[in-house]
C-alpha atoms as a PDB file:
ATOM      1  CA  MET A   1     122.755 103.341 124.895  1.00  0.00           C
ATOM      2  CA  ASP A   2     126.362 103.741 123.503  1.00  0.00           C
ATOM      3  CA  PRO A   3     126.967 104.739 119.919  1.00  0.00           C
ATOM      4  CA  LEU A   4     128.237 101.235 118.866  1.00  0.00           C
ATOM      5  CA  SER A   5     124.988  99.626 120.237  1.00  0.00           C
ATOM      6  CA  GLN A   6     122.847 102.140 118.356  1.00  0.00           C
ATOM      7  CA  LEU A   7     124.698 101.479 115.106  1.00  0.00           C
ATOM      8  CA  PHE A   8     124.314  97.691 115.566  1.00  0.00           C
ATOM      9  CA  THR A   9     120.657  98.120 116.322  1.00  0.00           C
ATOM     10  CA  ALA A  10     119.977 100.206 113.318  1.00  0.00           C
ATOM     11  CA  TYR A  11     121.876  97.705 111.151  1.00  0.00           C
ATOM     12  CA  LEU A  12     119.722  94.790 112.398  1.00  0.00           C
ATOM     13  CA  GLN A  13     116.497  96.614 112.069  1.00  0.00           C
ATOM     14  CA  ALA A  14     117.338  97.729 108.448  1.00  0.00           C
ATOM     15  CA  ALA A  15     118.290  94.152 107.613  1.00  0.00           C
ATOM     16  CA  SER A  16     115.132  92.671 109.031  1.00  0.00           C
ATOM     17  CA  ASN A  17     113.004  95.300 107.223  1.00  0.00           C
ATOM     18  CA  ASN A  18     114.574  94.322 103.916  1.00  0.00           C
ATOM     19  CA  ILE A  19     113.932  90.661 104.548  1.00  0.00           C
ATOM     20  CA  ALA A  20     110.285  91.225 105.488  1.00  0.00           C
ATOM     21  CA  ASP A  21     109.819  93.601 102.468  1.00  0.00           C
ATOM     22  CA  HIS A  22     111.338  90.920 100.182  1.00  0.00           C
ATOM     23  CA  TYR A  23     108.927  88.242 101.428  1.00  0.00           C
ATOM     24  CA  MET A  24     105.940  90.619 101.271  1.00  0.00           C
ATOM     25  CA  ASP A  25     106.780  91.482  97.661  1.00  0.00           C
ATOM     26  CA  SER A  26     107.589  87.936  96.464  1.00  0.00           C
ATOM     27  CA  MET A  27     104.520  86.330  98.032  1.00  0.00           C
ATOM     28  CA  ASN A  28     102.100  89.259  97.654  1.00  0.00           C
ATOM     29  CA  THR A  29     100.971  89.132 101.185  1.00  0.00           C
ATOM     30  CA  THR A  30      99.741  92.770 101.245  1.00  0.00           C
ATOM     31  CA  VAL A  31      95.977  93.193 102.131  1.00  0.00           C
ATOM     32  CA  THR A  32      94.072  95.350  99.756  1.00  0.00           C
ATOM     33  CA  THR A  33      90.624  96.997 100.595  1.00  0.00           C
ATOM     34  CA  GLN A  34      87.751  97.779  98.419  1.00  0.00           C
ATOM     35  CA  SER A  35      84.380  99.200  99.440  1.00  0.00           C
ATOM     36  CA  LEU A  36      81.091  99.659  97.640  1.00  0.00           C
ATOM     37  CA  VAL A  37      77.649 100.677  98.471  1.00  0.00           C
ATOM     38  CA  TYR A  38      74.787  98.326  97.973  1.00  0.00           C
ATOM     39  CA  ASN A  39      71.248  99.273  98.792  1.00  0.00           C
ATOM     40  CA  ASP A  40      72.494 102.247 100.827  1.00  0.00           C
ATOM     41  CA  THR A  41      74.719  99.833 102.838  1.00  0.00           C
ATOM     42  CA  ALA A  42      78.452 100.231 102.698  1.00  0.00           C
ATOM     43  CA  VAL A  43      80.265  96.889 102.223  1.00  0.00           C
ATOM     44  CA  LEU A  44      83.954  96.582 102.891  1.00  0.00           C
ATOM     45  CA  PHE A  45      86.084  93.862 101.339  1.00  0.00           C
ATOM     46  CA  LEU A  46      89.579  92.927 102.542  1.00  0.00           C
ATOM     47  CA  ASN A  47      91.487  90.738 100.123  1.00  0.00           C
ATOM     48  CA  GLN A  48      94.784  88.986 100.397  1.00  0.00           C
ATOM     49  CA  LEU A  49      96.312  86.949  97.639  1.00  0.00           C
ATOM     50  CA  LEU A  50      98.762  84.233  98.734  1.00  0.00           C
ATOM     51  CA  ARG A  51     100.567  82.401  96.008  1.00  0.00           C
ATOM     52  CA  ASN A  52     103.263  79.685  96.135  1.00  0.00           C
ATOM     53  CA  SER A  53     106.615  80.351  94.591  1.00  0.00           C
END
């Protein structure tokens, strides 16, 4: 791949990452995990909070 194509690809990737990060931050779409032990059994919870802006 020539250097100009690599530069353009890097620019597009950086721009798309910034857009995705913005939406993930503003809509709180990250999944959080929590685990606990109940009666010697491990219980894993995966939580995702979605909110409308």
